[in-house]
Amino acid sequence: MIGVDWGSSALRAWLIGADGIVARRESAAGVATIADGRFREALEALCGDWLGRAPSLPVIACGMIGSRDGWRDAGRLRTPAGLQTLAQRLSSFDDLLGRAFRVVPGLVARGQIDSPDLMRGGETQVFGALQGREGLFVLPGTHCRWVEVRDRQVVAFRTYMTGEIYSLLCRRSTLASLCGDPDDSSQHQAEALRAFDEGVDHAGTRPGSLTHLLFTARTEALLGGLAAHQLPAYLSGLLIGAEIRDASDWSPHDLVPTVVARSELASRYARAMHRLGLHGSVADGDSAAAGLAAIARAATLVA
């Protein structure tokens, strides 16, 4: 089968066999970057040779590709929801070299002040990382989610715009002109890491306003307290520290958190959590592929 994790900012695809991942590819062709609805062309550009070589392979996707801004709205299921329910509610349409293109539905839960919280793609990551246990899963990305799983069902989750706000601050805010990248020297890397730790501590352990802390990052940079190569790391620390502080208050304390992300982002979250007294584990960032394969088996698309 071919599994596709198609989010707002990236497109990842896997060729999956009976023993796991055979090949993987990715591009920056996220849903938010594609104009005029040219989703089929973007997918064929990434893995058209897989599609042409094996026309009978099922294709199943998750993520923002199933939103109203994506290829087609795949709908949403209310929590609690398990793997079998997702498999039964796959959307399907014939628009991919004559074959069915199936999309996993998203999930909706009641959020803060009884407002709805939405998730697309995270549910698939969770079921890929689950491995038969319940837990608290942390899914960093453009929108980070903390997901509570009980009895193999997603029962609650909470979403944070951490990645999106970080990108806006570094690229489009009044801080953007002050931000620089650390070079490969050990000194720059160590200084950036120290700035990240300071940001985590400031937002994660002290009462106060995050927006005020973000503004003081600007004054620190202007007055020489933060170098250009330290500022992005400090902002990242502030945002992640504030997220972990709030999520720690929200989440059940009997569950050990598992960070599901690729190496750099996973290590950043794990480091911040450790500083703030949360001790968990890190799962494979390719868990979406395992989740898609599990959903395909539950839907009897593959053996």
Protein backbone atom coordinates (compact mmCIF):
# COMPACT_ATOMS: atom_id res chain seq x y z
CA MET A 1 0.00 0.00 0.00
CA ILE A 2 0.92 3.66 -0.26
CA GLY A 3 0.47 5.76 2.87
CA VAL A 4 0.33 9.56 2.74
CA ASP A 5 0.60 12.04 5.60
CA TRP A 6 -0.38 15.37 4.06
CA GLY A 7 -0.34 18.30 6.43
CA SER A 8 -0.44 22.06 6.04
CA SER A 9 3.29 22.49 5.45
CA ALA A 10 4.61 19.13 4.23
CA LEU A 11 3.75 16.03 2.20
CA ARG A 12 5.17 12.64 3.19
CA ALA A 13 4.56 9.33 1.45
CA TRP A 14 5.57 5.76 2.23
CA LEU A 15 5.57 2.57 0.19
CA ILE A 16 4.53 0.01 2.79
CA GLY A 17 4.86 -3.75 2.49
CA ALA A 18 3.96 -6.66 4.74
CA ASP A 19 7.14 -6.15 6.79
CA GLY A 20 6.93 -2.36 7.10
CA ILE A 21 8.23 0.66 5.21
CA VAL A 22 9.91 -0.18 1.90
CA ALA A 23 10.59 3.39 0.73
CA ARG A 24 9.77 6.93 1.83
CA ARG A 25 9.64 10.33 0.17
CA GLU A 26 8.71 13.83 1.23
CA SER A 27 8.34 17.34 -0.14
CA ALA A 28 7.38 20.82 1.01
CA ALA A 29 4.12 20.61 -0.97
CA GLY A 30 1.87 21.02 2.05
CA VAL A 31 -1.84 21.67 1.62
CA ALA A 32 -1.39 25.38 2.38
CA THR A 33 1.22 25.76 -0.38
CA ILE A 34 -0.76 24.28 -3.28
CA ALA A 35 -2.65 26.65 -5.56
CA ASP A 36 -5.75 25.95 -7.63
CA GLY A 37 -6.45 22.58 -6.00
CA ARG A 38 -3.62 20.81 -7.85
CA PHE A 39 -3.32 18.08 -5.23
CA ARG A 40 -3.31 15.15 -7.64
CA GLU A 41 -0.43 16.71 -9.57
CA ALA A 42 1.54 17.27 -6.36
CA LEU A 43 1.13 13.66 -5.25
CA GLU A 44 1.98 12.28 -8.68
CA ALA A 45 5.09 14.47 -8.77
CA LEU A 46 6.24 12.91 -5.51
CA CYS A 47 5.39 9.24 -6.06
CA GLY A 48 3.88 8.87 -9.53
CA ASP A 49 6.29 6.05 -10.33
CA TRP A 50 4.93 4.03 -7.38
CA LEU A 51 1.40 4.64 -8.62
CA GLY A 52 2.21 3.67 -12.18
CA ARG A 53 4.25 0.60 -11.30
CA ALA A 54 1.61 -0.97 -9.06
CA PRO A 55 -1.85 0.23 -10.11
CA SER A 56 -3.61 -2.13 -7.70
CA LEU A 57 -1.96 -0.74 -4.56
CA PRO A 58 -4.44 1.00 -2.23
CA VAL A 59 -3.64 4.61 -1.33
CA ILE A 60 -4.73 5.95 2.06
CA ALA A 61 -4.02 9.44 3.39
CA CYS A 62 -4.42 11.42 6.60
CA GLY A 63 -4.00 15.04 7.61
CA MET A 64 -5.17 18.39 6.29
CA ILE A 65 -5.66 16.90 2.84
CA GLY A 66 -9.03 15.79 4.23
CA SER A 67 -10.05 19.28 5.37
CA ARG A 68 -12.17 21.85 3.56
CA ASP A 69 -8.92 23.43 2.36
CA GLY A 70 -7.67 20.07 1.06
CA TRP A 71 -8.59 17.71 -1.75
CA ARG A 72 -11.94 16.81 -0.26
CA ASP A 73 -13.52 17.12 3.18
CA ALA A 74 -13.26 13.71 4.85
CA GLY A 75 -15.53 14.69 7.72
CA ARG A 76 -14.97 14.41 11.46
CA LEU A 77 -15.83 11.90 14.17
CA ARG A 78 -16.57 12.80 17.76
CA THR A 79 -14.43 11.42 20.55
CA PRO A 80 -14.18 8.84 21.91
CA ALA A 81 -13.09 7.12 18.72
CA GLY A 82 -10.98 4.05 18.02
CA LEU A 83 -9.11 2.51 15.11
CA GLN A 84 -12.04 0.43 13.87
CA THR A 85 -14.33 3.46 13.76
CA LEU A 86 -11.80 5.40 11.67
CA ALA A 87 -11.47 2.46 9.29
CA GLN A 88 -15.23 2.24 8.84
CA ARG A 89 -15.53 5.94 8.04
CA LEU A 90 -12.84 6.38 5.39
CA SER A 91 -13.76 8.76 2.58
CA SER A 92 -13.10 7.43 -0.90
CA PHE A 93 -13.10 8.98 -4.35
CA ASP A 94 -11.67 7.98 -7.72
CA ASP A 95 -9.28 10.70 -8.72
CA LEU A 96 -5.80 9.21 -8.69
CA LEU A 97 -4.79 7.54 -11.94
CA GLY A 98 -8.13 5.73 -11.97
CA ARG A 99 -7.89 4.31 -8.46
CA ALA A 100 -9.62 5.12 -5.19
CA PHE A 101 -7.96 7.70 -2.97
CA ARG A 102 -9.01 7.10 0.64
CA VAL A 103 -8.77 9.68 3.41
CA VAL A 104 -8.97 9.17 7.18
CA PRO A 105 -11.57 11.37 8.91
CA GLY A 106 -10.54 13.90 11.52
CA LEU A 107 -11.65 14.01 15.14
CA VAL A 108 -13.53 16.64 17.12
CA ALA A 109 -13.56 16.98 20.91
CA ARG A 110 -14.89 19.48 23.37
CA GLY A 111 -12.16 21.91 24.26
CA GLN A 112 -11.60 24.77 26.66
CA ILE A 113 -14.75 26.69 27.72
CA ASP A 114 -16.69 23.99 25.88
CA SER A 115 -15.44 25.11 22.46
CA PRO A 116 -14.66 22.38 19.88
CA ASP A 117 -11.12 21.17 19.29
CA LEU A 118 -10.17 19.59 15.95
CA MET A 119 -7.49 17.17 14.81
CA ARG A 120 -6.52 15.78 11.41
CA GLY A 121 -3.56 13.45 11.05
CA GLY A 122 -2.77 13.26 14.74
CA GLU A 123 -5.24 10.43 15.27
CA THR A 124 -3.32 8.33 12.74
CA GLN A 125 0.02 9.11 14.41
CA VAL A 126 -1.41 8.08 17.76
CA PHE A 127 -2.69 4.72 16.56
CA GLY A 128 0.65 4.07 14.91
CA ALA A 129 2.51 4.75 18.16
CA LEU A 130 -0.03 3.12 20.47
CA GLN A 131 1.30 -0.47 20.42
CA GLY A 132 -1.51 -1.72 22.62
CA ARG A 133 -1.10 0.73 25.48
CA GLU A 134 -3.02 3.72 26.72
CA GLY A 135 -1.17 6.94 27.27
CA LEU A 136 -0.70 10.64 26.74
CA PHE A 137 0.72 11.37 23.30
CA VAL A 138 2.41 14.68 22.42
CA LEU A 139 2.38 15.46 18.69
CA PRO A 140 4.56 18.50 17.87
CA GLY A 141 4.13 20.28 14.56
CA THR A 142 2.48 23.35 13.05
CA HIS A 143 -0.26 22.70 15.60
CA CYS A 144 0.90 20.60 18.55
CA ARG A 145 -1.59 18.23 20.17
CA TRP A 146 -1.69 16.45 23.49
CA VAL A 147 -3.87 13.37 23.09
CA GLU A 148 -5.30 11.18 25.85
CA VAL A 149 -5.90 7.53 24.91
CA ARG A 150 -7.86 5.08 27.10
CA ASP A 151 -8.90 1.54 26.16
CA ARG A 152 -7.42 2.05 22.66
CA GLN A 153 -9.67 5.04 22.00
CA VAL A 154 -8.87 8.73 21.69
CA VAL A 155 -10.97 10.21 24.48
CA ALA A 156 -9.69 13.80 24.64
CA PHE A 157 -7.10 16.12 23.13
CA ARG A 158 -5.89 19.70 23.33
CA THR A 159 -4.34 21.74 20.50
CA TYR A 160 -1.69 24.48 20.61
CA MET A 161 -0.67 26.77 17.72
CA THR A 162 2.97 26.59 18.85
CA GLY A 163 4.62 25.83 15.51
CA GLU A 164 2.52 28.28 13.52
CA ILE A 165 3.10 31.13 15.98
CA TYR A 166 6.84 30.40 16.02
CA SER A 167 6.95 30.61 12.23
CA LEU A 168 5.01 33.89 12.18
CA LEU A 169 7.22 35.44 14.87
CA CYS A 170 10.46 34.52 13.10
CA ARG A 171 9.31 35.42 9.59
CA ARG A 172 6.65 38.12 9.71
CA SER A 173 6.65 39.88 13.09
CA THR A 174 8.66 42.83 14.39
CA LEU A 175 11.09 40.18 15.68
CA ALA A 176 11.82 38.80 12.22
CA SER A 177 14.55 41.30 11.32
CA LEU A 178 16.34 40.50 14.60
CA CYS A 179 16.38 36.72 14.07
CA GLY A 180 19.38 34.89 12.64
CA ASP A 181 20.49 31.28 12.30
CA PRO A 182 23.30 29.74 14.36
CA ASP A 183 26.25 28.53 12.33
CA ASP A 184 27.71 25.05 12.74
CA SER A 185 30.23 26.06 15.37
CA SER A 186 29.93 24.38 18.75
CA GLN A 187 29.88 27.81 20.43
CA HIS A 188 26.86 29.04 18.44
CA GLN A 189 25.02 25.77 18.93
CA ALA A 190 25.66 25.82 22.68
CA GLU A 191 24.55 29.45 22.97
CA ALA A 192 21.35 28.75 21.05
CA LEU A 193 20.61 25.75 23.26
CA ARG A 194 21.19 27.84 26.38
CA ALA A 195 18.76 30.47 25.06
CA PHE A 196 16.17 27.74 24.43
CA ASP A 197 16.53 26.52 28.01
CA GLU A 198 16.09 30.06 29.34
CA GLY A 199 12.92 30.48 27.29
CA VAL A 200 11.52 27.20 28.61
CA ASP A 201 12.28 28.22 32.19
CA HIS A 202 10.83 31.73 31.82
CA ALA A 203 7.51 30.63 30.30
CA GLY A 204 7.21 27.24 31.96
CA THR A 205 7.89 28.08 35.59
CA ARG A 206 6.86 31.68 36.15
CA PRO A 207 3.36 33.15 36.29
CA GLY A 208 2.69 35.87 33.76
CA SER A 209 1.66 36.69 30.22
CA LEU A 210 3.20 34.88 27.26
CA THR A 211 2.62 37.90 25.01
CA HIS A 212 4.57 40.05 27.47
CA LEU A 213 7.42 37.56 27.48
CA LEU A 214 7.45 37.56 23.68
CA PHE A 215 7.80 41.34 23.66
CA THR A 216 10.64 41.24 26.17
CA ALA A 217 12.45 38.94 23.73
CA ARG A 218 12.48 41.90 21.34
CA THR A 219 13.88 44.26 23.97
CA GLU A 220 16.53 41.71 24.96
CA ALA A 221 17.60 41.46 21.32
CA LEU A 222 17.63 45.24 20.80
CA LEU A 223 19.62 45.87 23.98
CA GLY A 224 22.15 43.10 23.39
CA GLY A 225 20.88 40.51 25.83
CA LEU A 226 20.19 38.01 23.02
CA ALA A 227 22.28 37.60 19.88
CA ALA A 228 20.56 37.09 16.53
CA HIS A 229 21.44 33.38 16.49
CA GLN A 230 19.95 32.95 19.98
CA LEU A 231 16.63 34.71 19.45
CA PRO A 232 14.80 31.97 17.45
CA ALA A 233 15.82 29.37 20.03
CA TYR A 234 14.66 31.61 22.88
CA LEU A 235 11.29 32.17 21.18
CA SER A 236 10.94 28.42 20.66
CA GLY A 237 11.67 27.86 24.34
CA LEU A 238 9.08 30.43 25.41
CA LEU A 239 6.35 28.91 23.24
CA ILE A 240 7.10 25.28 24.12
CA GLY A 241 7.51 26.12 27.80
CA ALA A 242 4.13 27.88 27.89
CA GLU A 243 2.52 24.96 26.06
CA ILE A 244 3.91 22.35 28.44
CA ARG A 245 2.88 24.39 31.47
CA ASP A 246 -0.74 24.59 30.30
CA ALA A 247 -0.85 20.99 29.04
CA SER A 248 0.49 19.74 32.37
CA ASP A 249 -2.45 21.37 34.13
CA TRP A 250 -4.92 19.91 31.59
CA SER A 251 -3.62 16.36 31.20
CA PRO A 252 -4.26 13.42 33.56
CA HIS A 253 -1.27 12.82 35.82
CA ASP A 254 -1.53 9.02 35.76
CA LEU A 255 -0.36 8.85 32.13
CA VAL A 256 3.28 9.10 31.03
CA PRO A 257 3.72 11.41 28.01
CA THR A 258 5.15 10.03 24.77
CA VAL A 259 6.50 12.54 22.23
CA VAL A 260 5.78 11.45 18.66
CA ALA A 261 7.96 13.47 16.29
CA ARG A 262 11.05 13.40 14.15
CA SER A 263 14.43 13.67 15.85
CA GLU A 264 15.13 17.41 16.19
CA LEU A 265 11.63 18.43 17.23
CA ALA A 266 11.27 15.38 19.48
CA SER A 267 14.53 16.13 21.29
CA ARG A 268 13.50 19.77 21.76
CA TYR A 269 10.21 18.78 23.39
CA ALA A 270 11.81 16.03 25.45
CA ARG A 271 14.45 18.47 26.72
CA ALA A 272 11.83 21.07 27.65
CA MET A 273 9.62 18.50 29.38
CA HIS A 274 12.56 17.20 31.40
CA ARG A 275 13.42 20.74 32.54
CA LEU A 276 9.84 21.22 33.70
CA GLY A 277 9.67 17.93 35.60
CA LEU A 278 7.84 15.75 33.05
CA HIS A 279 9.61 12.49 32.28
CA GLY A 280 8.34 10.54 29.30
CA SER A 281 9.56 8.80 26.18
CA VAL A 282 10.01 9.46 22.46
CA ALA A 283 8.33 7.40 19.73
CA ASP A 284 9.22 7.00 16.06
CA GLY A 285 8.34 10.07 13.99
CA ASP A 286 7.17 7.72 11.21
CA SER A 287 4.28 6.49 13.35
CA ALA A 288 1.81 7.94 10.83
CA ALA A 289 2.93 5.23 8.39
CA ALA A 290 2.26 2.52 10.98
CA GLY A 291 -1.10 4.11 11.75
CA LEU A 292 -2.13 4.22 8.10
CA ALA A 293 -1.15 0.57 7.70
CA ALA A 294 -3.19 -0.38 10.79
CA ILE A 295 -6.24 1.51 9.48
CA ALA A 296 -5.84 -0.16 6.08
CA ARG A 297 -5.79 -3.60 7.73
CA ALA A 298 -8.84 -2.76 9.83
CA ALA A 299 -10.63 -1.67 6.65
CA THR A 300 -9.53 -4.95 4.95
CA LEU A 301 -7.74 -3.00 2.22
CA VAL A 302 -4.61 -5.08 2.87
CA ALA A 303 -4.01 -8.41 4.55
